[in-house]
Amino acid sequence: MELTDEEIRTFMIERYGDFVLYRPRMTAVNFLLWAAPVLLLLIGTYIGLRVIRKQAAQVNDEGPEAGQS
């Protein structure tokens, strides 16, 4: 019994998922896989900016005399 290329491809995808393909099909899982680093970078940048702004606001609220005794 000889299998065709399409049958082999179908078997490999069913067994191992789209990741065995050189050019995976665009699915929700693949999109999430590729988008996750970008999303995490954006979230990290947002959180970092909020922390920096909060610390800067605290320093400004204390005024220049706060560090002097």
PDB file of N, CA and C in Angstrom:
ATOM      1  N   MET A   1       0.847  -1.174   0.000  1.00  0.00           N
ATOM      2  CA  MET A   1       0.000   0.000   0.000  1.00  0.00           C
ATOM      3  C   MET A   1       0.892   1.237   0.000  1.00  0.00           C
ATOM      4  N   GLU A   2       0.713   2.061  -0.971  1.00  0.00           N
ATOM      5  CA  GLU A   2       1.512   3.277  -1.079  1.00  0.00           C
ATOM      6  C   GLU A   2       0.626   4.477  -0.772  1.00  0.00           C
ATOM      7  N   LEU A   3       1.139   5.339   0.102  1.00  0.00           N
ATOM      8  CA  LEU A   3       0.380   6.522   0.496  1.00  0.00           C
ATOM      9  C   LEU A   3       0.755   7.702  -0.389  1.00  0.00           C
ATOM     10  N   THR A   4      -0.211   8.546  -0.632  1.00  0.00           N
ATOM     11  CA  THR A   4       0.062   9.759  -1.401  1.00  0.00           C
ATOM     12  C   THR A   4       0.643  10.821  -0.472  1.00  0.00           C
ATOM     13  N   ASP A   5       1.220  11.833  -1.061  1.00  0.00           N
ATOM     14  CA  ASP A   5       1.780  12.933  -0.275  1.00  0.00           C
ATOM     15  C   ASP A   5       0.709  13.584   0.604  1.00  0.00           C
ATOM     16  N   GLU A   6      -0.479  13.739   0.060  1.00  0.00           N
ATOM     17  CA  GLU A   6      -1.570  14.370   0.815  1.00  0.00           C
ATOM     18  C   GLU A   6      -1.984  13.511   2.007  1.00  0.00           C
ATOM     19  N   GLU A   7      -2.008  12.202   1.847  1.00  0.00           N
ATOM     20  CA  GLU A   7      -2.352  11.310   2.958  1.00  0.00           C
ATOM     21  C   GLU A   7      -1.294  11.361   4.047  1.00  0.00           C
ATOM     22  N   ILE A   8      -0.040  11.409   3.639  1.00  0.00           N
ATOM     23  CA  ILE A   8       1.057  11.513   4.609  1.00  0.00           C
ATOM     24  C   ILE A   8       0.966  12.846   5.352  1.00  0.00           C
ATOM     25  N   ARG A   9       0.741  13.917   4.617  1.00  0.00           N
ATOM     26  CA  ARG A   9       0.629  15.252   5.216  1.00  0.00           C
ATOM     27  C   ARG A   9      -0.535  15.289   6.214  1.00  0.00           C
ATOM     28  N   THR A  10      -1.670  14.720   5.827  1.00  0.00           N
ATOM     29  CA  THR A  10      -2.838  14.688   6.702  1.00  0.00           C
ATOM     30  C   THR A  10      -2.547  13.911   7.977  1.00  0.00           C
ATOM     31  N   PHE A  11      -1.890  12.765   7.841  1.00  0.00           N
ATOM     32  CA  PHE A  11      -1.533  11.965   9.016  1.00  0.00           C
ATOM     33  C   PHE A  11      -0.614  12.734   9.950  1.00  0.00           C
ATOM     34  N   MET A  12       0.408  13.370   9.389  1.00  0.00           N
ATOM     35  CA  MET A  12       1.376  14.108  10.206  1.00  0.00           C
ATOM     36  C   MET A  12       0.700  15.270  10.938  1.00  0.00           C
ATOM     37  N   ILE A  13      -0.195  15.971  10.267  1.00  0.00           N
ATOM     38  CA  ILE A  13      -0.898  17.090  10.899  1.00  0.00           C
ATOM     39  C   ILE A  13      -1.813  16.590  12.004  1.00  0.00           C
ATOM     40  N   GLU A  14      -2.521  15.497  11.757  1.00  0.00           N
ATOM     41  CA  GLU A  14      -3.404  14.939  12.780  1.00  0.00           C
ATOM     42  C   GLU A  14      -2.615  14.474  13.995  1.00  0.00           C
ATOM     43  N   ARG A  15      -1.463  13.900  13.740  1.00  0.00           N
ATOM     44  CA  ARG A  15      -0.672  13.345  14.848  1.00  0.00           C
ATOM     45  C   ARG A  15       0.114  14.402  15.606  1.00  0.00           C
ATOM     46  N   TYR A  16       0.753  15.334  14.879  1.00  0.00           N
ATOM     47  CA  TYR A  16       1.669  16.288  15.507  1.00  0.00           C
ATOM     48  C   TYR A  16       1.187  17.736  15.467  1.00  0.00           C
ATOM     49  N   GLY A  17       0.142  18.030  14.754  1.00  0.00           N
ATOM     50  CA  GLY A  17      -0.363  19.390  14.675  1.00  0.00           C
ATOM     51  C   GLY A  17       0.239  20.151  13.501  1.00  0.00           C
ATOM     52  N   ASP A  18      -0.160  21.395  13.366  1.00  0.00           N
ATOM     53  CA  ASP A  18       0.279  22.232  12.242  1.00  0.00           C
ATOM     54  C   ASP A  18       1.767  22.555  12.280  1.00  0.00           C
ATOM     55  N   PHE A  19       2.409  22.304  13.406  1.00  0.00           N
ATOM     56  CA  PHE A  19       3.799  22.701  13.576  1.00  0.00           C
ATOM     57  C   PHE A  19       4.768  21.882  12.726  1.00  0.00           C
ATOM     58  N   VAL A  20       4.315  20.777  12.143  1.00  0.00           N
ATOM     59  CA  VAL A  20       5.186  19.973  11.283  1.00  0.00           C
ATOM     60  C   VAL A  20       5.284  20.555   9.877  1.00  0.00           C
ATOM     61  N   LEU A  21       4.440  21.515   9.556  1.00  0.00           N
ATOM     62  CA  LEU A  21       4.452  22.112   8.227  1.00  0.00           C
ATOM     63  C   LEU A  21       5.476  23.244   8.165  1.00  0.00           C
ATOM     64  N   TYR A  22       6.089  23.418   7.003  1.00  0.00           N
ATOM     65  CA  TYR A  22       7.004  24.546   6.831  1.00  0.00           C
ATOM     66  C   TYR A  22       6.244  25.864   6.822  1.00  0.00           C
ATOM     67  N   ARG A  23       5.054  25.840   6.286  1.00  0.00           N
ATOM     68  CA  ARG A  23       4.181  27.017   6.286  1.00  0.00           C
ATOM     69  C   ARG A  23       2.864  26.611   6.925  1.00  0.00           C
ATOM     70  N   PRO A  24       2.782  26.719   8.256  1.00  0.00           N
ATOM     71  CA  PRO A  24       1.563  26.283   8.944  1.00  0.00           C
ATOM     72  C   PRO A  24       0.347  27.082   8.512  1.00  0.00           C
ATOM     73  N   ARG A  25      -0.792  26.424   8.568  1.00  0.00           N
ATOM     74  CA  ARG A  25      -2.050  27.101   8.271  1.00  0.00           C
ATOM     75  C   ARG A  25      -2.318  28.116   9.373  1.00  0.00           C
ATOM     76  N   MET A  26      -2.989  29.200   9.027  1.00  0.00           N
ATOM     77  CA  MET A  26      -3.313  30.218  10.019  1.00  0.00           C
ATOM     78  C   MET A  26      -4.575  29.787  10.759  1.00  0.00           C
ATOM     79  N   THR A  27      -4.377  29.454  12.014  1.00  0.00           N
ATOM     80  CA  THR A  27      -5.490  29.090  12.887  1.00  0.00           C
ATOM     81  C   THR A  27      -5.425  29.974  14.124  1.00  0.00           C
ATOM     82  N   ALA A  28      -6.435  29.898  14.951  1.00  0.00           N
ATOM     83  CA  ALA A  28      -6.457  30.706  16.170  1.00  0.00           C
ATOM     84  C   ALA A  28      -5.286  30.355  17.080  1.00  0.00           C
ATOM     85  N   VAL A  29      -4.949  29.073  17.165  1.00  0.00           N
ATOM     86  CA  VAL A  29      -3.836  28.652  18.023  1.00  0.00           C
ATOM     87  C   VAL A  29      -2.510  29.195  17.481  1.00  0.00           C
ATOM     88  N   ASN A  30      -2.303  29.085  16.172  1.00  0.00           N
ATOM     89  CA  ASN A  30      -1.066  29.595  15.588  1.00  0.00           C
ATOM     90  C   ASN A  30      -0.966  31.104  15.739  1.00  0.00           C
ATOM     91  N   PHE A  31      -2.078  31.801  15.540  1.00  0.00           N
ATOM     92  CA  PHE A  31      -2.057  33.250  15.675  1.00  0.00           C
ATOM     93  C   PHE A  31      -1.691  33.642  17.098  1.00  0.00           C
ATOM     94  N   LEU A  32      -2.258  32.960  18.072  1.00  0.00           N
ATOM     95  CA  LEU A  32      -1.936  33.241  19.461  1.00  0.00           C
ATOM     96  C   LEU A  32      -0.460  32.966  19.736  1.00  0.00           C
ATOM     97  N   LEU A  33       0.061  31.900  19.162  1.00  0.00           N
ATOM     98  CA  LEU A  33       1.467  31.559  19.335  1.00  0.00           C
ATOM     99  C   LEU A  33       2.376  32.663  18.818  1.00  0.00           C
ATOM    100  N   TRP A  34       2.061  33.227  17.663  1.00  0.00           N
ATOM    101  CA  TRP A  34       2.889  34.282  17.078  1.00  0.00           C
ATOM    102  C   TRP A  34       2.627  35.641  17.722  1.00  0.00           C
ATOM    103  N   ALA A  35       1.414  35.875  18.188  1.00  0.00           N
ATOM    104  CA  ALA A  35       1.066  37.175  18.749  1.00  0.00           C
ATOM    105  C   ALA A  35       1.463  37.305  20.225  1.00  0.00           C
ATOM    106  N   ALA A  36       1.644  36.195  20.920  1.00  0.00           N
ATOM    107  CA  ALA A  36       1.925  36.241  22.353  1.00  0.00           C
ATOM    108  C   ALA A  36       3.161  37.075  22.698  1.00  0.00           C
ATOM    109  N   PRO A  37       4.310  36.931  22.024  1.00  0.00           N
ATOM    110  CA  PRO A  37       5.457  37.761  22.395  1.00  0.00           C
ATOM    111  C   PRO A  37       5.190  39.263  22.233  1.00  0.00           C
ATOM    112  N   VAL A  38       4.497  39.631  21.181  1.00  0.00           N
ATOM    113  CA  VAL A  38       4.182  41.042  20.958  1.00  0.00           C
ATOM    114  C   VAL A  38       3.234  41.545  22.045  1.00  0.00           C
ATOM    115  N   LEU A  39       2.222  40.749  22.354  1.00  0.00           N
ATOM    116  CA  LEU A  39       1.278  41.142  23.399  1.00  0.00           C
ATOM    117  C   LEU A  39       1.962  41.265  24.756  1.00  0.00           C
ATOM    118  N   LEU A  40       2.831  40.315  25.076  1.00  0.00           N
ATOM    119  CA  LEU A  40       3.547  40.377  26.351  1.00  0.00           C
ATOM    120  C   LEU A  40       4.475  41.588  26.412  1.00  0.00           C
ATOM    121  N   LEU A  41       5.118  41.921  25.307  1.00  0.00           N
ATOM    122  CA  LEU A  41       5.973  43.105  25.263  1.00  0.00           C
ATOM    123  C   LEU A  41       5.152  44.374  25.490  1.00  0.00           C
ATOM    124  N   LEU A  42       4.002  44.481  24.843  1.00  0.00           N
ATOM    125  CA  LEU A  42       3.143  45.655  25.024  1.00  0.00           C
ATOM    126  C   LEU A  42       2.623  45.760  26.460  1.00  0.00           C
ATOM    127  N   ILE A  43       2.216  44.642  27.027  1.00  0.00           N
ATOM    128  CA  ILE A  43       1.726  44.642  28.410  1.00  0.00           C
ATOM    129  C   ILE A  43       2.851  45.021  29.370  1.00  0.00           C
ATOM    130  N   GLY A  44       4.035  44.463  29.167  1.00  0.00           N
ATOM    131  CA  GLY A  44       5.178  44.792  30.013  1.00  0.00           C
ATOM    132  C   GLY A  44       5.567  46.259  29.917  1.00  0.00           C
ATOM    133  N   THR A  45       5.533  46.810  28.715  1.00  0.00           N
ATOM    134  CA  THR A  45       5.839  48.229  28.527  1.00  0.00           C
ATOM    135  C   THR A  45       4.809  49.091  29.244  1.00  0.00           C
ATOM    136  N   TYR A  46       3.550  48.748  29.111  1.00  0.00           N
ATOM    137  CA  TYR A  46       2.479  49.499  29.773  1.00  0.00           C
ATOM    138  C   TYR A  46       2.663  49.484  31.292  1.00  0.00           C
ATOM    139  N   ILE A  47       2.915  48.304  31.848  1.00  0.00           N
ATOM    140  CA  ILE A  47       3.103  48.180  33.298  1.00  0.00           C
ATOM    141  C   ILE A  47       4.352  48.947  33.735  1.00  0.00           C
ATOM    142  N   GLY A  48       5.422  48.824  32.984  1.00  0.00           N
ATOM    143  CA  GLY A  48       6.649  49.541  33.318  1.00  0.00           C
ATOM    144  C   GLY A  48       6.452  51.043  33.324  1.00  0.00           C
ATOM    145  N   LEU A  49       5.758  51.577  32.333  1.00  0.00           N
ATOM    146  CA  LEU A  49       5.499  53.013  32.280  1.00  0.00           C
ATOM    147  C   LEU A  49       4.625  53.465  33.452  1.00  0.00           C
ATOM    148  N   ARG A  50       3.649  52.657  33.817  1.00  0.00           N
ATOM    149  CA  ARG A  50       2.788  53.013  34.963  1.00  0.00           C
ATOM    150  C   ARG A  50       3.594  53.059  36.250  1.00  0.00           C
ATOM    151  N   VAL A  51       4.504  52.098  36.441  1.00  0.00           N
ATOM    152  CA  VAL A  51       5.319  52.065  37.652  1.00  0.00           C
ATOM    153  C   VAL A  51       6.243  53.286  37.688  1.00  0.00           C
ATOM    154  N   ILE A  52       6.875  53.589  36.566  1.00  0.00           N
ATOM    155  CA  ILE A  52       7.786  54.738  36.514  1.00  0.00           C
ATOM    156  C   ILE A  52       7.031  56.037  36.783  1.00  0.00           C
ATOM    157  N   ARG A  53       5.875  56.203  36.182  1.00  0.00           N
ATOM    158  CA  ARG A  53       5.084  57.419  36.400  1.00  0.00           C
ATOM    159  C   ARG A  53       4.609  57.525  37.843  1.00  0.00           C
ATOM    160  N   LYS A  54       4.245  56.410  38.454  1.00  0.00           N
ATOM    161  CA  LYS A  54       3.800  56.423  39.844  1.00  0.00           C
ATOM    162  C   LYS A  54       4.940  56.836  40.764  1.00  0.00           C
ATOM    163  N   GLN A  55       6.127  56.290  40.520  1.00  0.00           N
ATOM    164  CA  GLN A  55       7.279  56.659  41.340  1.00  0.00           C
ATOM    165  C   GLN A  55       7.646  58.119  41.143  1.00  0.00           C
ATOM    166  N   ALA A  56       7.579  58.611  39.921  1.00  0.00           N
ATOM    167  CA  ALA A  56       7.884  60.012  39.655  1.00  0.00           C
ATOM    168  C   ALA A  56       6.876  60.923  40.338  1.00  0.00           C
ATOM    169  N   ALA A  57       5.609  60.528  40.351  1.00  0.00           N
ATOM    170  CA  ALA A  57       4.580  61.327  41.010  1.00  0.00           C
ATOM    171  C   ALA A  57       4.812  61.363  42.520  1.00  0.00           C
ATOM    172  N   GLN A  58       5.253  60.260  43.109  1.00  0.00           N
ATOM    173  CA  GLN A  58       5.529  60.222  44.548  1.00  0.00           C
ATOM    174  C   GLN A  58       6.688  61.138  44.893  1.00  0.00           C
ATOM    175  N   VAL A  59       7.721  61.147  44.063  1.00  0.00           N
ATOM    176  CA  VAL A  59       8.875  62.021  44.311  1.00  0.00           C
ATOM    177  C   VAL A  59       8.449  63.471  44.210  1.00  0.00           C
ATOM    178  N   ASN A  60       7.645  63.812  43.217  1.00  0.00           N
ATOM    179  CA  ASN A  60       7.171  65.185  43.039  1.00  0.00           C
ATOM    180  C   ASN A  60       6.260  65.612  44.185  1.00  0.00           C
ATOM    181  N   ASP A  61       5.431  64.701  44.713  1.00  0.00           N
ATOM    182  CA  ASP A  61       4.525  65.034  45.830  1.00  0.00           C
ATOM    183  C   ASP A  61       5.294  65.291  47.120  1.00  0.00           C
ATOM    184  N   GLU A  62       6.389  64.582  47.327  1.00  0.00           N
ATOM    185  CA  GLU A  62       7.170  64.747  48.552  1.00  0.00           C
ATOM    186  C   GLU A  62       7.907  66.082  48.552  1.00  0.00           C
ATOM    187  N   GLY A  63       8.257  66.572  47.415  1.00  0.00           N
ATOM    188  CA  GLY A  63       8.932  67.857  47.309  1.00  0.00           C
ATOM    189  C   GLY A  63      10.425  67.714  47.547  1.00  0.00           C
ATOM    190  N   PRO A  64      11.179  68.768  47.290  1.00  0.00           N
ATOM    191  CA  PRO A  64      12.632  68.701  47.415  1.00  0.00           C
ATOM    192  C   PRO A  64      13.116  68.636  48.853  1.00  0.00           C
ATOM    193  N   GLU A  65      12.292  69.067  49.843  1.00  0.00           N
ATOM    194  CA  GLU A  65      12.740  69.086  51.248  1.00  0.00           C
ATOM    195  C   GLU A  65      12.616  67.732  51.913  1.00  0.00           C
ATOM    196  N   ALA A  66      11.977  66.790  51.314  1.00  0.00           N
ATOM    197  CA  ALA A  66      11.701  65.493  51.945  1.00  0.00           C
ATOM    198  C   ALA A  66      12.985  64.742  52.272  1.00  0.00           C
ATOM    199  N   GLY A  67      14.013  64.883  51.482  1.00  0.00           N
ATOM    200  CA  GLY A  67      15.263  64.163  51.702  1.00  0.00           C
ATOM    201  C   GLY A  67      16.176  64.852  52.702  1.00  0.00           C
ATOM    202  N   GLN A  68      15.884  66.096  53.094  1.00  0.00           N
ATOM    203  CA  GLN A  68      16.751  66.849  54.014  1.00  0.00           C
ATOM    204  C   GLN A  68      16.252  66.736  55.446  1.00  0.00           C
ATOM    205  N   SER A  69      17.201  66.658  56.400  1.00  0.00           N
ATOM    206  CA  SER A  69      16.822  66.577  57.802  1.00  0.00           C
ATOM    207  C   SER A  69      17.054  67.879  58.501  1.00  0.00           C
TER     208      SER A  69
END
